[in-house]
């Protein structure tokens, strides 16, 4: 039987496998087995699974309300020259002159 490693987010020891993902009951973080290996690097991917790189142009696939503002980013908005962040699930970009962080699950290349 494979030994399950600690949670990569909080370091919790009580991680369990729920059939498709590993789950940490302490912080509710869900992750795949590939992320449990030491030294693994998460690759930012869009909603279709395409790898994202610095400077890519992407399209928003869903209307997004911007927190703390009345601004709404409409579906189909093209975003040029994205910048990757330390978090593989987020990218930094500029829309209408405002610097915004978007989740990669709402983008397509």
C-alpha atoms as a PDB file:
ATOM      1  CA  UNK A   1       0.000   0.000   0.000  1.00  0.00           C
ATOM      2  CA  UNK A   2       1.279   3.470  -0.897  1.00  0.00           C
ATOM      3  CA  UNK A   3       2.100   5.756   1.972  1.00  0.00           C
ATOM      4  CA  UNK A   4       0.346   9.108   1.660  1.00  0.00           C
ATOM      5  CA  UNK A   5       2.551  12.122   2.309  1.00  0.00           C
ATOM      6  CA  UNK A   6       1.636  15.279   4.191  1.00  0.00           C
ATOM      7  CA  UNK A   7      -0.612  18.015   2.830  1.00  0.00           C
ATOM      8  CA  UNK A   8       1.425  20.367   0.590  1.00  0.00           C
ATOM      9  CA  UNK A   9      -0.581  23.395   1.770  1.00  0.00           C
ATOM     10  CA  UNK A  10      -0.643  23.091   5.573  1.00  0.00           C
ATOM     11  CA  UNK A  11       1.586  20.073   6.278  1.00  0.00           C
ATOM     12  CA  UNK A  12      -1.248  18.113   7.911  1.00  0.00           C
ATOM     13  CA  UNK A  13      -0.618  14.414   8.502  1.00  0.00           C
ATOM     14  CA  UNK A  14      -4.188  13.080   8.255  1.00  0.00           C
ATOM     15  CA  UNK A  15      -4.538  13.164   4.454  1.00  0.00           C
ATOM     16  CA  UNK A  16      -6.896  10.596   2.922  1.00  0.00           C
ATOM     17  CA  UNK A  17      -7.793   9.443  -0.616  1.00  0.00           C
ATOM     18  CA  UNK A  18     -11.445   9.957  -1.585  1.00  0.00           C
ATOM     19  CA  UNK A  19     -11.395   8.017  -4.870  1.00  0.00           C
ATOM     20  CA  UNK A  20     -10.072  10.674  -7.229  1.00  0.00           C
ATOM     21  CA  UNK A  21      -8.192  13.223  -5.104  1.00  0.00           C
ATOM     22  CA  UNK A  22      -6.294  13.380  -1.840  1.00  0.00           C
ATOM     23  CA  UNK A  23      -8.037  15.516   0.803  1.00  0.00           C
ATOM     24  CA  UNK A  24      -6.637  17.213   3.898  1.00  0.00           C
ATOM     25  CA  UNK A  25      -9.310  17.389   6.618  1.00  0.00           C
ATOM     26  CA  UNK A  26      -7.453  20.174   8.451  1.00  0.00           C
ATOM     27  CA  UNK A  27      -7.469  22.800   5.674  1.00  0.00           C
ATOM     28  CA  UNK A  28      -9.856  21.138   3.127  1.00  0.00           C
ATOM     29  CA  UNK A  29      -7.141  21.269   0.439  1.00  0.00           C
ATOM     30  CA  UNK A  30      -7.665  18.765  -2.397  1.00  0.00           C
ATOM     31  CA  UNK A  31      -4.741  17.647  -4.525  1.00  0.00           C
ATOM     32  CA  UNK A  32      -3.620  14.926  -6.919  1.00  0.00           C
ATOM     33  CA  UNK A  33      -0.923  12.387  -6.184  1.00  0.00           C
ATOM     34  CA  UNK A  34       1.543  14.179  -8.481  1.00  0.00           C
ATOM     35  CA  UNK A  35       1.606  17.185  -6.159  1.00  0.00           C
ATOM     36  CA  UNK A  36       2.522  15.040  -3.160  1.00  0.00           C
ATOM     37  CA  UNK A  37       6.006  14.305  -4.504  1.00  0.00           C
ATOM     38  CA  UNK A  38       8.780  16.520  -3.185  1.00  0.00           C
ATOM     39  CA  UNK A  39      10.050  19.071  -5.695  1.00  0.00           C
ATOM     40  CA  UNK A  40       7.068  18.813  -8.043  1.00  0.00           C
ATOM     41  CA  UNK A  41       6.267  22.025  -9.871  1.00  0.00           C
ATOM     42  CA  UNK A  42       2.676  22.976 -10.626  1.00  0.00           C
ATOM     43  CA  UNK A  43       2.217  24.134 -14.201  1.00  0.00           C
ATOM     44  CA  UNK A  44      -0.456  26.806 -14.712  1.00  0.00           C
ATOM     45  CA  UNK A  45      -3.162  25.514 -17.051  1.00  0.00           C
ATOM     46  CA  UNK A  46      -6.278  27.110 -18.501  1.00  0.00           C
ATOM     47  CA  UNK A  47      -9.798  25.676 -18.329  1.00  0.00           C
ATOM     48  CA  UNK A  48      -9.063  23.350 -21.275  1.00  0.00           C
ATOM     49  CA  UNK A  49      -5.773  22.074 -19.853  1.00  0.00           C
ATOM     50  CA  UNK A  50      -3.453  24.086 -22.116  1.00  0.00           C
ATOM     51  CA  UNK A  51      -0.235  25.249 -20.448  1.00  0.00           C
ATOM     52  CA  UNK A  52      -0.047  28.989 -19.785  1.00  0.00           C
ATOM     53  CA  UNK A  53       3.171  31.014 -20.132  1.00  0.00           C
ATOM     54  CA  UNK A  54       4.167  34.605 -19.350  1.00  0.00           C
ATOM     55  CA  UNK A  55       2.963  36.955 -22.094  1.00  0.00           C
ATOM     56  CA  UNK A  56       0.195  34.685 -23.411  1.00  0.00           C
ATOM     57  CA  UNK A  57      -3.106  36.123 -24.612  1.00  0.00           C
ATOM     58  CA  UNK A  58      -6.203  34.512 -23.093  1.00  0.00           C
ATOM     59  CA  UNK A  59      -9.991  34.897 -23.221  1.00  0.00           C
ATOM     60  CA  UNK A  60     -12.366  35.032 -20.246  1.00  0.00           C
ATOM     61  CA  UNK A  61     -14.975  32.233 -20.456  1.00  0.00           C
ATOM     62  CA  UNK A  62     -17.475  33.539 -17.871  1.00  0.00           C
ATOM     63  CA  UNK A  63     -18.805  36.902 -16.668  1.00  0.00           C
ATOM     64  CA  UNK A  64     -16.787  37.778 -13.555  1.00  0.00           C
ATOM     65  CA  UNK A  65     -17.721  40.315 -10.890  1.00  0.00           C
ATOM     66  CA  UNK A  66     -14.697  42.139  -9.483  1.00  0.00           C
ATOM     67  CA  UNK A  67     -14.682  42.203  -5.668  1.00  0.00           C
ATOM     68  CA  UNK A  68     -14.693  45.679  -4.160  1.00  0.00           C
ATOM     69  CA  UNK A  69     -15.803  47.280  -7.405  1.00  0.00           C
ATOM     70  CA  UNK A  70     -18.870  47.601  -9.585  1.00  0.00           C
ATOM     71  CA  UNK A  71     -16.790  46.417 -12.551  1.00  0.00           C
ATOM     72  CA  UNK A  72     -17.811  43.238 -14.408  1.00  0.00           C
ATOM     73  CA  UNK A  73     -15.434  41.437 -16.756  1.00  0.00           C
ATOM     74  CA  UNK A  74     -17.626  40.178 -19.587  1.00  0.00           C
ATOM     75  CA  UNK A  75     -17.349  36.739 -21.161  1.00  0.00           C
ATOM     76  CA  UNK A  76     -15.192  36.850 -24.284  1.00  0.00           C
ATOM     77  CA  UNK A  77     -12.916  39.639 -23.015  1.00  0.00           C
ATOM     78  CA  UNK A  78      -9.440  39.186 -24.476  1.00  0.00           C
ATOM     79  CA  UNK A  79      -6.575  39.667 -22.055  1.00  0.00           C
ATOM     80  CA  UNK A  80      -3.130  40.234 -23.530  1.00  0.00           C
ATOM     81  CA  UNK A  81       0.234  39.713 -21.884  1.00  0.00           C
ATOM     82  CA  UNK A  82      -0.631  37.777 -18.725  1.00  0.00           C
ATOM     83  CA  UNK A  83       1.947  37.356 -15.953  1.00  0.00           C
ATOM     84  CA  UNK A  84       2.236  34.156 -13.938  1.00  0.00           C
ATOM     85  CA  UNK A  85       2.193  34.319 -10.144  1.00  0.00           C
ATOM     86  CA  UNK A  86       3.612  32.042  -7.453  1.00  0.00           C
ATOM     87  CA  UNK A  87       0.215  30.333  -7.304  1.00  0.00           C
ATOM     88  CA  UNK A  88      -0.351  28.061 -10.335  1.00  0.00           C
ATOM     89  CA  UNK A  89      -4.115  28.735 -10.167  1.00  0.00           C
ATOM     90  CA  UNK A  90      -3.819  32.520 -10.625  1.00  0.00           C
ATOM     91  CA  UNK A  91      -2.466  34.936 -13.241  1.00  0.00           C
ATOM     92  CA  UNK A  92      -1.912  38.684 -13.038  1.00  0.00           C
ATOM     93  CA  UNK A  93      -3.103  40.924 -15.866  1.00  0.00           C
ATOM     94  CA  UNK A  94      -4.396  44.394 -16.744  1.00  0.00           C
ATOM     95  CA  UNK A  95      -7.968  44.979 -17.876  1.00  0.00           C
ATOM     96  CA  UNK A  96      -9.123  48.521 -18.690  1.00  0.00           C
ATOM     97  CA  UNK A  97      -6.040  49.905 -16.926  1.00  0.00           C
ATOM     98  CA  UNK A  98      -6.719  48.007 -13.677  1.00  0.00           C
ATOM     99  CA  UNK A  99      -4.305  45.355 -12.441  1.00  0.00           C
ATOM    100  CA  UNK A 100      -6.357  42.233 -11.671  1.00  0.00           C
ATOM    101  CA  UNK A 101      -5.590  38.674 -10.569  1.00  0.00           C
ATOM    102  CA  UNK A 102      -7.708  36.057 -12.360  1.00  0.00           C
ATOM    103  CA  UNK A 103      -8.147  32.358 -11.652  1.00  0.00           C
ATOM    104  CA  UNK A 104      -6.942  30.145 -14.504  1.00  0.00           C
ATOM    105  CA  UNK A 105     -10.151  28.071 -14.407  1.00  0.00           C
ATOM    106  CA  UNK A 106     -11.997  31.055 -15.967  1.00  0.00           C
ATOM    107  CA  UNK A 107      -9.529  31.495 -18.854  1.00  0.00           C
ATOM    108  CA  UNK A 108      -8.858  29.790 -22.166  1.00  0.00           C
ATOM    109  CA  UNK A 109      -5.857  30.204 -24.419  1.00  0.00           C
END
